[in-house]
Amino acid sequence: VGTAGLSIDEMTHERLVVSTRNRRKVQNHIGGIHAAAMALLAETATG
């Protein structure tokens, strides 16, 4: 989570928002956010 630079943008008992910027540490070979980083976003928010 630290390496991916995730940010908690909103947190209530009903809703949680996590985000990341597209930067080199999380990019894949085509310049987008890596598949594992996308899954990490969803896993972090839900968890």
ModelCIF file with pLDDT and N, C-alpha, C, O atoms, coordinates in Angstrom:
data_MODEL
#
_entry.id   MODEL 
#
_entity.id                         1 
_entity.type                       polymer 
_entity.pdbx_number_of_molecules   1 
#
_entity_poly.entity_id                      1 
_entity_poly.type                           'polypeptide(L)' 
_entity_poly.nstd_linkage                   no 
_entity_poly.nstd_monomer                   no 
_entity_poly.pdbx_seq_one_letter_code       VGTAGLSIDEMTHERLVVSTRNRRKVQNHIGGIHAAAMALLAETATG 
_entity_poly.pdbx_seq_one_letter_code_can   VGTAGLSIDEMTHERLVVSTRNRRKVQNHIGGIHAAAMALLAETATG 
_entity_poly.pdbx_strand_id                 A 
#
loop_
_entity_poly_seq.entity_id 
_entity_poly_seq.num 
_entity_poly_seq.mon_id 
_entity_poly_seq.hetero 
1 1  VAL n 
1 2  GLY n 
1 3  THR n 
1 4  ALA n 
1 5  GLY n 
1 6  LEU n 
1 7  SER n 
1 8  ILE n 
1 9  ASP n 
1 10 GLU n 
1 11 MET n 
1 12 THR n 
1 13 HIS n 
1 14 GLU n 
1 15 ARG n 
1 16 LEU n 
1 17 VAL n 
1 18 VAL n 
1 19 SER n 
1 20 THR n 
1 21 ARG n 
1 22 ASN n 
1 23 ARG n 
1 24 ARG n 
1 25 LYS n 
1 26 VAL n 
1 27 GLN n 
1 28 ASN n 
1 29 HIS n 
1 30 ILE n 
1 31 GLY n 
1 32 GLY n 
1 33 ILE n 
1 34 HIS n 
1 35 ALA n 
1 36 ALA n 
1 37 ALA n 
1 38 MET n 
1 39 ALA n 
1 40 LEU n 
1 41 LEU n 
1 42 ALA n 
1 43 GLU n 
1 44 THR n 
1 45 ALA n 
1 46 THR n 
1 47 GLY n 
#
_struct_asym.id          A 
_struct_asym.entity_id   1 
#
loop_
_ma_qa_metric.id 
_ma_qa_metric.mode 
_ma_qa_metric.name 
_ma_qa_metric.software_group_id 
_ma_qa_metric.type 
1 global pLDDT . pLDDT 
2 local  pLDDT . pLDDT 
#
_ma_qa_metric_global.metric_id      1 
_ma_qa_metric_global.metric_value   88.28 
_ma_qa_metric_global.model_id       1 
_ma_qa_metric_global.ordinal_id     1 
#
loop_
_ma_qa_metric_local.label_asym_id 
_ma_qa_metric_local.label_comp_id 
_ma_qa_metric_local.label_seq_id 
_ma_qa_metric_local.metric_id 
_ma_qa_metric_local.metric_value 
_ma_qa_metric_local.model_id 
_ma_qa_metric_local.ordinal_id 
A VAL 1  2 72.00 1 1  
A GLY 2  2 71.00 1 2  
A THR 3  2 72.00 1 3  
A ALA 4  2 74.00 1 4  
A GLY 5  2 82.00 1 5  
A LEU 6  2 92.00 1 6  
A SER 7  2 92.00 1 7  
A ILE 8  2 95.00 1 8  
A ASP 9  2 97.00 1 9  
A GLU 10 2 97.00 1 10 
A MET 11 2 97.00 1 11 
A THR 12 2 98.00 1 12 
A HIS 13 2 97.00 1 13 
A GLU 14 2 98.00 1 14 
A ARG 15 2 98.00 1 15 
A LEU 16 2 98.00 1 16 
A VAL 17 2 98.00 1 17 
A VAL 18 2 97.00 1 18 
A SER 19 2 95.00 1 19 
A THR 20 2 91.00 1 20 
A ARG 21 2 86.00 1 21 
A ASN 22 2 80.00 1 22 
A ARG 23 2 79.00 1 23 
A ARG 24 2 80.00 1 24 
A LYS 25 2 78.00 1 25 
A VAL 26 2 76.00 1 26 
A GLN 27 2 74.00 1 27 
A ASN 28 2 76.00 1 28 
A HIS 29 2 86.00 1 29 
A ILE 30 2 81.00 1 30 
A GLY 31 2 75.00 1 31 
A GLY 32 2 77.00 1 32 
A ILE 33 2 82.00 1 33 
A HIS 34 2 85.00 1 34 
A ALA 35 2 86.00 1 35 
A ALA 36 2 89.00 1 36 
A ALA 37 2 90.00 1 37 
A MET 38 2 91.00 1 38 
A ALA 39 2 93.00 1 39 
A LEU 40 2 94.00 1 40 
A LEU 41 2 95.00 1 41 
A ALA 42 2 97.00 1 42 
A GLU 43 2 97.00 1 43 
A THR 44 2 97.00 1 44 
A ALA 45 2 98.00 1 45 
A THR 46 2 98.00 1 46 
A GLY 47 2 98.00 1 47 
#
loop_
_atom_site.group_PDB 
_atom_site.id 
_atom_site.type_symbol 
_atom_site.label_atom_id 
_atom_site.label_alt_id 
_atom_site.label_comp_id 
_atom_site.label_asym_id 
_atom_site.label_entity_id 
_atom_site.label_seq_id 
_atom_site.pdbx_PDB_ins_code 
_atom_site.Cartn_x 
_atom_site.Cartn_y 
_atom_site.Cartn_z 
_atom_site.occupancy 
_atom_site.B_iso_or_equiv 
_atom_site.pdbx_formal_charge 
_atom_site.auth_seq_id 
_atom_site.auth_comp_id 
_atom_site.auth_asym_id 
_atom_site.auth_atom_id 
_atom_site.pdbx_PDB_model_num 
ATOM 1   N N  . VAL A 1 1  ? 0.835   -1.194 0.000   1.00 72.00 ? 1  VAL A N  1 
ATOM 2   C CA . VAL A 1 1  ? 0.000   0.000  0.000   1.00 72.00 ? 1  VAL A CA 1 
ATOM 3   C C  . VAL A 1 1  ? 0.874   1.249  0.000   1.00 72.00 ? 1  VAL A C  1 
ATOM 4   O O  . VAL A 1 1  ? 0.574   2.221  -0.693  1.00 72.00 ? 1  VAL A O  1 
ATOM 5   N N  . GLY A 1 2  ? 1.952   1.223  0.776   1.00 71.00 ? 2  GLY A N  1 
ATOM 6   C CA . GLY A 1 2  ? 2.855   2.370  0.811   1.00 71.00 ? 2  GLY A CA 1 
ATOM 7   C C  . GLY A 1 2  ? 3.552   2.590  -0.514  1.00 71.00 ? 2  GLY A C  1 
ATOM 8   O O  . GLY A 1 2  ? 3.637   3.722  -0.989  1.00 71.00 ? 2  GLY A O  1 
ATOM 9   N N  . THR A 1 3  ? 4.051   1.529  -1.114  1.00 72.00 ? 3  THR A N  1 
ATOM 10  C CA . THR A 1 3  ? 4.745   1.633  -2.399  1.00 72.00 ? 3  THR A CA 1 
ATOM 11  C C  . THR A 1 3  ? 3.805   2.138  -3.483  1.00 72.00 ? 3  THR A C  1 
ATOM 12  O O  . THR A 1 3  ? 4.205   2.929  -4.337  1.00 72.00 ? 3  THR A O  1 
ATOM 13  N N  . ALA A 1 4  ? 2.560   1.685  -3.450  1.00 74.00 ? 4  ALA A N  1 
ATOM 14  C CA . ALA A 1 4  ? 1.581   2.096  -4.462  1.00 74.00 ? 4  ALA A CA 1 
ATOM 15  C C  . ALA A 1 4  ? 1.091   3.526  -4.242  1.00 74.00 ? 4  ALA A C  1 
ATOM 16  O O  . ALA A 1 4  ? 0.459   4.108  -5.124  1.00 74.00 ? 4  ALA A O  1 
ATOM 17  N N  . GLY A 1 5  ? 1.380   4.090  -3.072  1.00 82.00 ? 5  GLY A N  1 
ATOM 18  C CA . GLY A 1 5  ? 0.980   5.469  -2.807  1.00 82.00 ? 5  GLY A CA 1 
ATOM 19  C C  . GLY A 1 5  ? -0.518  5.663  -2.718  1.00 82.00 ? 5  GLY A C  1 
ATOM 20  O O  . GLY A 1 5  ? -1.051  6.667  -3.191  1.00 82.00 ? 5  GLY A O  1 
ATOM 21  N N  . LEU A 1 6  ? -1.205  4.691  -2.104  1.00 92.00 ? 6  LEU A N  1 
ATOM 22  C CA . LEU A 1 6  ? -2.659  4.806  -1.980  1.00 92.00 ? 6  LEU A CA 1 
ATOM 23  C C  . LEU A 1 6  ? -3.034  5.881  -0.972  1.00 92.00 ? 6  LEU A C  1 
ATOM 24  O O  . LEU A 1 6  ? -2.366  6.061  0.046   1.00 92.00 ? 6  LEU A O  1 
ATOM 25  N N  . SER A 1 7  ? -4.111  6.592  -1.274  1.00 92.00 ? 7  SER A N  1 
ATOM 26  C CA . SER A 1 7  ? -4.634  7.635  -0.390  1.00 92.00 ? 7  SER A CA 1 
ATOM 27  C C  . SER A 1 7  ? -6.058  7.282  0.013   1.00 92.00 ? 7  SER A C  1 
ATOM 28  O O  . SER A 1 7  ? -6.850  6.831  -0.814  1.00 92.00 ? 7  SER A O  1 
ATOM 29  N N  . ILE A 1 8  ? -6.375  7.486  1.271   1.00 95.00 ? 8  ILE A N  1 
ATOM 30  C CA . ILE A 1 8  ? -7.758  7.331  1.729   1.00 95.00 ? 8  ILE A CA 1 
ATOM 31  C C  . ILE A 1 8  ? -8.406  8.700  1.597   1.00 95.00 ? 8  ILE A C  1 
ATOM 32  O O  . ILE A 1 8  ? -8.022  9.652  2.276   1.00 95.00 ? 8  ILE A O  1 
ATOM 33  N N  . ASP A 1 9  ? -9.389  8.784  0.717   1.00 97.00 ? 9  ASP A N  1 
ATOM 34  C CA . ASP A 1 9  ? -10.020 10.066 0.411   1.00 97.00 ? 9  ASP A CA 1 
ATOM 35  C C  . ASP A 1 9  ? -11.314 10.293 1.190   1.00 97.00 ? 9  ASP A C  1 
ATOM 36  O O  . ASP A 1 9  ? -11.705 11.435 1.431   1.00 97.00 ? 9  ASP A O  1 
ATOM 37  N N  . GLU A 1 10 ? -11.965 9.223  1.575   1.00 97.00 ? 10 GLU A N  1 
ATOM 38  C CA . GLU A 1 10 ? -13.229 9.323  2.328   1.00 97.00 ? 10 GLU A CA 1 
ATOM 39  C C  . GLU A 1 10 ? -13.371 8.051  3.149   1.00 97.00 ? 10 GLU A C  1 
ATOM 40  O O  . GLU A 1 10 ? -13.063 6.958  2.674   1.00 97.00 ? 10 GLU A O  1 
ATOM 41  N N  . MET A 1 11 ? -13.847 8.202  4.404   1.00 97.00 ? 11 MET A N  1 
ATOM 42  C CA . MET A 1 11 ? -13.997 7.030  5.245   1.00 97.00 ? 11 MET A CA 1 
ATOM 43  C C  . MET A 1 11 ? -15.163 7.225  6.213   1.00 97.00 ? 11 MET A C  1 
ATOM 44  O O  . MET A 1 11 ? -15.113 8.053  7.123   1.00 97.00 ? 11 MET A O  1 
ATOM 45  N N  . THR A 1 12 ? -16.211 6.435  5.987   1.00 98.00 ? 12 THR A N  1 
ATOM 46  C CA . THR A 1 12 ? -17.327 6.353  6.926   1.00 98.00 ? 12 THR A CA 1 
ATOM 47  C C  . THR A 1 12 ? -17.592 4.864  7.131   1.00 98.00 ? 12 THR A C  1 
ATOM 48  O O  . THR A 1 12 ? -16.949 4.027  6.498   1.00 98.00 ? 12 THR A O  1 
ATOM 49  N N  . HIS A 1 13 ? -18.518 4.534  7.997   1.00 97.00 ? 13 HIS A N  1 
ATOM 50  C CA . HIS A 1 13 ? -18.853 3.121  8.215   1.00 97.00 ? 13 HIS A CA 1 
ATOM 51  C C  . HIS A 1 13 ? -19.604 2.520  7.021   1.00 97.00 ? 13 HIS A C  1 
ATOM 52  O O  . HIS A 1 13 ? -19.678 1.298  6.893   1.00 97.00 ? 13 HIS A O  1 
ATOM 53  N N  . GLU A 1 14 ? -20.157 3.363  6.150   1.00 98.00 ? 14 GLU A N  1 
ATOM 54  C CA . GLU A 1 14 ? -20.910 2.890  4.999   1.00 98.00 ? 14 GLU A CA 1 
ATOM 55  C C  . GLU A 1 14 ? -20.151 2.970  3.682   1.00 98.00 ? 14 GLU A C  1 
ATOM 56  O O  . GLU A 1 14 ? -20.490 2.269  2.729   1.00 98.00 ? 14 GLU A O  1 
ATOM 57  N N  . ARG A 1 15 ? -19.118 3.824  3.616   1.00 98.00 ? 15 ARG A N  1 
ATOM 58  C CA . ARG A 1 15 ? -18.455 4.100  2.336   1.00 98.00 ? 15 ARG A CA 1 
ATOM 59  C C  . ARG A 1 15 ? -16.988 4.451  2.574   1.00 98.00 ? 15 ARG A C  1 
ATOM 60  O O  . ARG A 1 15 ? -16.647 5.208  3.483   1.00 98.00 ? 15 ARG A O  1 
ATOM 61  N N  . LEU A 1 16 ? -16.124 3.872  1.722   1.00 98.00 ? 16 LEU A N  1 
ATOM 62  C CA . LEU A 1 16 ? -14.697 4.172  1.828   1.00 98.00 ? 16 LEU A CA 1 
ATOM 63  C C  . LEU A 1 16 ? -14.129 4.347  0.425   1.00 98.00 ? 16 LEU A C  1 
ATOM 64  O O  . LEU A 1 16 ? -14.380 3.532  -0.463  1.00 98.00 ? 16 LEU A O  1 
ATOM 65  N N  . VAL A 1 17 ? -13.358 5.420  0.235   1.00 98.00 ? 17 VAL A N  1 
ATOM 66  C CA . VAL A 1 17 ? -12.785 5.730  -1.070  1.00 98.00 ? 17 VAL A CA 1 
ATOM 67  C C  . VAL A 1 17 ? -11.258 5.753  -0.956  1.00 98.00 ? 17 VAL A C  1 
ATOM 68  O O  . VAL A 1 17 ? -10.697 6.444  -0.105  1.00 98.00 ? 17 VAL A O  1 
ATOM 69  N N  . VAL A 1 18 ? -10.599 4.983  -1.829  1.00 97.00 ? 18 VAL A N  1 
ATOM 70  C CA . VAL A 1 18 ? -9.141  4.922  -1.887  1.00 97.00 ? 18 VAL A CA 1 
ATOM 71  C C  . VAL A 1 18 ? -8.723  5.264  -3.318  1.00 97.00 ? 18 VAL A C  1 
ATOM 72  O O  . VAL A 1 18 ? -9.378  4.853  -4.276  1.00 97.00 ? 18 VAL A O  1 
ATOM 73  N N  . SER A 1 19 ? -7.625  6.021  -3.458  1.00 95.00 ? 19 SER A N  1 
ATOM 74  C CA . SER A 1 19 ? -7.183  6.390  -4.800  1.00 95.00 ? 19 SER A CA 1 
ATOM 75  C C  . SER A 1 19 ? -5.666  6.297  -4.923  1.00 95.00 ? 19 SER A C  1 
ATOM 76  O O  . SER A 1 19 ? -4.939  6.215  -3.934  1.00 95.00 ? 19 SER A O  1 
ATOM 77  N N  . THR A 1 20 ? -5.222  6.311  -6.168  1.00 91.00 ? 20 THR A N  1 
ATOM 78  C CA . THR A 1 20 ? -3.793  6.381  -6.475  1.00 91.00 ? 20 THR A CA 1 
ATOM 79  C C  . THR A 1 20 ? -3.611  7.150  -7.771  1.00 91.00 ? 20 THR A C  1 
ATOM 80  O O  . THR A 1 20 ? -4.466  7.130  -8.656  1.00 91.00 ? 20 THR A O  1 
ATOM 81  N N  . ARG A 1 21 ? -2.485  7.821  -7.858  1.00 86.00 ? 21 ARG A N  1 
ATOM 82  C CA . ARG A 1 21 ? -2.132  8.526  -9.089  1.00 86.00 ? 21 ARG A CA 1 
ATOM 83  C C  . ARG A 1 21 ? -1.380  7.563  -10.003 1.00 86.00 ? 21 ARG A C  1 
ATOM 84  O O  . ARG A 1 21 ? -0.771  6.598  -9.542  1.00 86.00 ? 21 ARG A O  1 
ATOM 85  N N  . ASN A 1 22 ? -1.431  7.837  -11.288 1.00 80.00 ? 22 ASN A N  1 
ATOM 86  C CA . ASN A 1 22 ? -0.668  7.043  -12.247 1.00 80.00 ? 22 ASN A CA 1 
ATOM 87  C C  . ASN A 1 22 ? 0.757   7.588  -12.263 1.00 80.00 ? 22 ASN A C  1 
ATOM 88  O O  . ASN A 1 22 ? 1.055   8.580  -12.929 1.00 80.00 ? 22 ASN A O  1 
ATOM 89  N N  . ARG A 1 23 ? 1.618   6.924  -11.524 1.00 79.00 ? 23 ARG A N  1 
ATOM 90  C CA . ARG A 1 23 ? 3.020   7.328  -11.479 1.00 79.00 ? 23 ARG A CA 1 
ATOM 91  C C  . ARG A 1 23 ? 3.893   6.109  -11.692 1.00 79.00 ? 23 ARG A C  1 
ATOM 92  O O  . ARG A 1 23 ? 3.416   4.977  -11.618 1.00 79.00 ? 23 ARG A O  1 
ATOM 93  N N  . ARG A 1 24 ? 5.147   6.330  -11.951 1.00 80.00 ? 24 ARG A N  1 
ATOM 94  C CA . ARG A 1 24 ? 6.063   5.270  -12.373 1.00 80.00 ? 24 ARG A CA 1 
ATOM 95  C C  . ARG A 1 24 ? 6.020   4.037  -11.476 1.00 80.00 ? 24 ARG A C  1 
ATOM 96  O O  . ARG A 1 24 ? 6.049   2.917  -11.987 1.00 80.00 ? 24 ARG A O  1 
ATOM 97  N N  . LYS A 1 25 ? 5.951   4.204  -10.163 1.00 78.00 ? 25 LYS A N  1 
ATOM 98  C CA . LYS A 1 25 ? 5.984   3.061  -9.248  1.00 78.00 ? 25 LYS A CA 1 
ATOM 99  C C  . LYS A 1 25 ? 4.833   2.079  -9.446  1.00 78.00 ? 25 LYS A C  1 
ATOM 100 O O  . LYS A 1 25 ? 4.962   0.904  -9.101  1.00 78.00 ? 25 LYS A O  1 
ATOM 101 N N  . VAL A 1 26 ? 3.719   2.537  -9.992  1.00 76.00 ? 26 VAL A N  1 
ATOM 102 C CA . VAL A 1 26 ? 2.554   1.650  -10.159 1.00 76.00 ? 26 VAL A CA 1 
ATOM 103 C C  . VAL A 1 26 ? 2.225   1.362  -11.620 1.00 76.00 ? 26 VAL A C  1 
ATOM 104 O O  . VAL A 1 26 ? 1.196   0.755  -11.916 1.00 76.00 ? 26 VAL A O  1 
ATOM 105 N N  . GLN A 1 27 ? 3.086   1.790  -12.527 1.00 74.00 ? 27 GLN A N  1 
ATOM 106 C CA . GLN A 1 27 ? 2.785   1.620  -13.946 1.00 74.00 ? 27 GLN A CA 1 
ATOM 107 C C  . GLN A 1 27 ? 3.170   0.243  -14.484 1.00 74.00 ? 27 GLN A C  1 
ATOM 108 O O  . GLN A 1 27 ? 4.103   -0.406 -14.012 1.00 74.00 ? 27 GLN A O  1 
ATOM 109 N N  . ASN A 1 28 ? 2.410   -0.164 -15.487 1.00 76.00 ? 28 ASN A N  1 
ATOM 110 C CA . ASN A 1 28 ? 2.735   -1.381 -16.238 1.00 76.00 ? 28 ASN A CA 1 
ATOM 111 C C  . ASN A 1 28 ? 3.585   -1.000 -17.452 1.00 76.00 ? 28 ASN A C  1 
ATOM 112 O O  . ASN A 1 28 ? 4.005   0.150  -17.583 1.00 76.00 ? 28 ASN A O  1 
ATOM 113 N N  . HIS A 1 29 ? 3.831   -1.947 -18.321 1.00 86.00 ? 29 HIS A N  1 
ATOM 114 C CA . HIS A 1 29 ? 4.686   -1.732 -19.486 1.00 86.00 ? 29 HIS A CA 1 
ATOM 115 C C  . HIS A 1 29 ? 4.071   -0.827 -20.556 1.00 86.00 ? 29 HIS A C  1 
ATOM 116 O O  . HIS A 1 29 ? 4.773   -0.402 -21.473 1.00 86.00 ? 29 HIS A O  1 
ATOM 117 N N  . ILE A 1 30 ? 2.774   -0.526 -20.457 1.00 81.00 ? 30 ILE A N  1 
ATOM 118 C CA . ILE A 1 30 ? 2.146   0.367  -21.441 1.00 81.00 ? 30 ILE A CA 1 
ATOM 119 C C  . ILE A 1 30 ? 1.773   1.721  -20.825 1.00 81.00 ? 30 ILE A C  1 
ATOM 120 O O  . ILE A 1 30 ? 1.038   2.503  -21.429 1.00 81.00 ? 30 ILE A O  1 
ATOM 121 N N  . GLY A 1 31 ? 2.287   1.991  -19.615 1.00 75.00 ? 31 GLY A N  1 
ATOM 122 C CA . GLY A 1 31 ? 2.101   3.305  -19.009 1.00 75.00 ? 31 GLY A CA 1 
ATOM 123 C C  . GLY A 1 31 ? 0.834   3.491  -18.200 1.00 75.00 ? 31 GLY A C  1 
ATOM 124 O O  . GLY A 1 31 ? 0.582   4.584  -17.692 1.00 75.00 ? 31 GLY A O  1 
ATOM 125 N N  . GLY A 1 32 ? 0.031   2.443  -18.070 1.00 77.00 ? 32 GLY A N  1 
ATOM 126 C CA . GLY A 1 32 ? -1.172  2.523  -17.238 1.00 77.00 ? 32 GLY A CA 1 
ATOM 127 C C  . GLY A 1 32 ? -0.885  1.980  -15.851 1.00 77.00 ? 32 GLY A C  1 
ATOM 128 O O  . GLY A 1 32 ? 0.223   1.522  -15.569 1.00 77.00 ? 32 GLY A O  1 
ATOM 129 N N  . ILE A 1 33 ? -1.874  2.033  -15.000 1.00 82.00 ? 33 ILE A N  1 
ATOM 130 C CA . ILE A 1 33 ? -1.716  1.468  -13.660 1.00 82.00 ? 33 ILE A CA 1 
ATOM 131 C C  . ILE A 1 33 ? -1.698  -0.050 -13.780 1.00 82.00 ? 33 ILE A C  1 
ATOM 132 O O  . ILE A 1 33 ? -2.546  -0.643 -14.447 1.00 82.00 ? 33 ILE A O  1 
ATOM 133 N N  . HIS A 1 34 ? -0.730  -0.662 -13.130 1.00 85.00 ? 34 HIS A N  1 
ATOM 134 C CA . HIS A 1 34 ? -0.515  -2.106 -13.193 1.00 85.00 ? 34 HIS A CA 1 
ATOM 135 C C  . HIS A 1 34 ? -1.739  -2.859 -12.668 1.00 85.00 ? 34 HIS A C  1 
ATOM 136 O O  . HIS A 1 34 ? -2.440  -2.382 -11.775 1.00 85.00 ? 34 HIS A O  1 
ATOM 137 N N  . ALA A 1 35 ? -1.981  -4.034 -13.232 1.00 86.00 ? 35 ALA A N  1 
ATOM 138 C CA . ALA A 1 35 ? -3.121  -4.865 -12.837 1.00 86.00 ? 35 ALA A CA 1 
ATOM 139 C C  . ALA A 1 35 ? -3.129  -5.150 -11.333 1.00 86.00 ? 35 ALA A C  1 
ATOM 140 O O  . ALA A 1 35 ? -4.183  -5.099 -10.699 1.00 86.00 ? 35 ALA A O  1 
ATOM 141 N N  . ALA A 1 36 ? -1.972  -5.446 -10.766 1.00 89.00 ? 36 ALA A N  1 
ATOM 142 C CA . ALA A 1 36 ? -1.898  -5.743 -9.334  1.00 89.00 ? 36 ALA A CA 1 
ATOM 143 C C  . ALA A 1 36 ? -2.239  -4.513 -8.500  1.00 89.00 ? 36 ALA A C  1 
ATOM 144 O O  . ALA A 1 36 ? -2.852  -4.637 -7.440  1.00 89.00 ? 36 ALA A O  1 
ATOM 145 N N  . ALA A 1 37 ? -1.849  -3.330 -8.964  1.00 90.00 ? 37 ALA A N  1 
ATOM 146 C CA . ALA A 1 37 ? -2.172  -2.096 -8.247  1.00 90.00 ? 37 ALA A CA 1 
ATOM 147 C C  . ALA A 1 37 ? -3.673  -1.806 -8.301  1.00 90.00 ? 37 ALA A C  1 
ATOM 148 O O  . ALA A 1 37 ? -4.243  -1.297 -7.335  1.00 90.00 ? 37 ALA A O  1 
ATOM 149 N N  . MET A 1 38 ? -4.312  -2.128 -9.427  1.00 91.00 ? 38 MET A N  1 
ATOM 150 C CA . MET A 1 38 ? -5.766  -1.955 -9.526  1.00 91.00 ? 38 MET A CA 1 
ATOM 151 C C  . MET A 1 38 ? -6.479  -2.874 -8.535  1.00 91.00 ? 38 MET A C  1 
ATOM 152 O O  . MET A 1 38 ? -7.403  -2.452 -7.841  1.00 91.00 ? 38 MET A O  1 
ATOM 153 N N  . ALA A 1 39 ? -6.042  -4.130 -8.476  1.00 93.00 ? 39 ALA A N  1 
ATOM 154 C CA . ALA A 1 39 ? -6.634  -5.078 -7.530  1.00 93.00 ? 39 ALA A CA 1 
ATOM 155 C C  . ALA A 1 39 ? -6.376  -4.626 -6.097  1.00 93.00 ? 39 ALA A C  1 
ATOM 156 O O  . ALA A 1 39 ? -7.239  -4.774 -5.232  1.00 93.00 ? 39 ALA A O  1 
ATOM 157 N N  . LEU A 1 40 ? -5.195  -4.079 -5.848  1.00 94.00 ? 40 LEU A N  1 
ATOM 158 C CA . LEU A 1 40 ? -4.860  -3.576 -4.514  1.00 94.00 ? 40 LEU A CA 1 
ATOM 159 C C  . LEU A 1 40 ? -5.802  -2.457 -4.095  1.00 94.00 ? 40 LEU A C  1 
ATOM 160 O O  . LEU A 1 40 ? -6.203  -2.394 -2.933  1.00 94.00 ? 40 LEU A O  1 
ATOM 161 N N  . LEU A 1 41 ? -6.160  -1.580 -5.013  1.00 95.00 ? 41 LEU A N  1 
ATOM 162 C CA . LEU A 1 41 ? -7.119  -0.507 -4.711  1.00 95.00 ? 41 LEU A CA 1 
ATOM 163 C C  . LEU A 1 41 ? -8.437  -1.088 -4.194  1.00 95.00 ? 41 LEU A C  1 
ATOM 164 O O  . LEU A 1 41 ? -8.951  -0.667 -3.158  1.00 95.00 ? 41 LEU A O  1 
ATOM 165 N N  . ALA A 1 42 ? -8.973  -2.057 -4.932  1.00 97.00 ? 42 ALA A N  1 
ATOM 166 C CA . ALA A 1 42 ? -10.252 -2.655 -4.553  1.00 97.00 ? 42 ALA A CA 1 
ATOM 167 C C  . ALA A 1 42 ? -10.143 -3.418 -3.235  1.00 97.00 ? 42 ALA A C  1 
ATOM 168 O O  . ALA A 1 42 ? -11.026 -3.320 -2.383  1.00 97.00 ? 42 ALA A O  1 
ATOM 169 N N  . GLU A 1 43 ? -9.061  -4.175 -3.069  1.00 97.00 ? 43 GLU A N  1 
ATOM 170 C CA . GLU A 1 43 ? -8.871  -4.961 -1.845  1.00 97.00 ? 43 GLU A CA 1 
ATOM 171 C C  . GLU A 1 43 ? -8.703  -4.048 -0.637  1.00 97.00 ? 43 GLU A C  1 
ATOM 172 O O  . GLU A 1 43 ? -9.237  -4.335 0.434   1.00 97.00 ? 43 GLU A O  1 
ATOM 173 N N  . THR A 1 44 ? -7.974  -2.963 -0.797  1.00 97.00 ? 44 THR A N  1 
ATOM 174 C CA . THR A 1 44 ? -7.747  -2.028 0.304   1.00 97.00 ? 44 THR A CA 1 
ATOM 175 C C  . THR A 1 44 ? -9.044  -1.328 0.702   1.00 97.00 ? 44 THR A C  1 
ATOM 176 O O  . THR A 1 44 ? -9.363  -1.240 1.887   1.00 97.00 ? 44 THR A O  1 
ATOM 177 N N  . ALA A 1 45 ? -9.782  -0.836 -0.272  1.00 98.00 ? 45 ALA A N  1 
ATOM 178 C CA . ALA A 1 45 ? -11.034 -0.130 0.033   1.00 98.00 ? 45 ALA A CA 1 
ATOM 179 C C  . ALA A 1 45 ? -12.025 -1.046 0.744   1.00 98.00 ? 45 ALA A C  1 
ATOM 180 O O  . ALA A 1 45 ? -12.622 -0.659 1.749   1.00 98.00 ? 45 ALA A O  1 
ATOM 181 N N  . THR A 1 46 ? -12.201 -2.258 0.224   1.00 98.00 ? 46 THR A N  1 
ATOM 182 C CA . THR A 1 46 ? -13.177 -3.170 0.823   1.00 98.00 ? 46 THR A CA 1 
ATOM 183 C C  . THR A 1 46 ? -12.702 -3.673 2.184   1.00 98.00 ? 46 THR A C  1 
ATOM 184 O O  . THR A 1 46 ? -13.495 -3.782 3.119   1.00 98.00 ? 46 THR A O  1 
ATOM 185 N N  . GLY A 1 47 ? -11.416 -3.976 2.296   1.00 98.00 ? 47 GLY A N  1 
ATOM 186 C CA . GLY A 1 47 ? -10.883 -4.479 3.557   1.00 98.00 ? 47 GLY A CA 1 
ATOM 187 C C  . GLY A 1 47 ? -10.930 -3.461 4.672   1.00 98.00 ? 47 GLY A C  1 
ATOM 188 O O  . GLY A 1 47 ? -10.511 -3.753 5.792   1.00 98.00 ? 47 GLY A O  1 
#
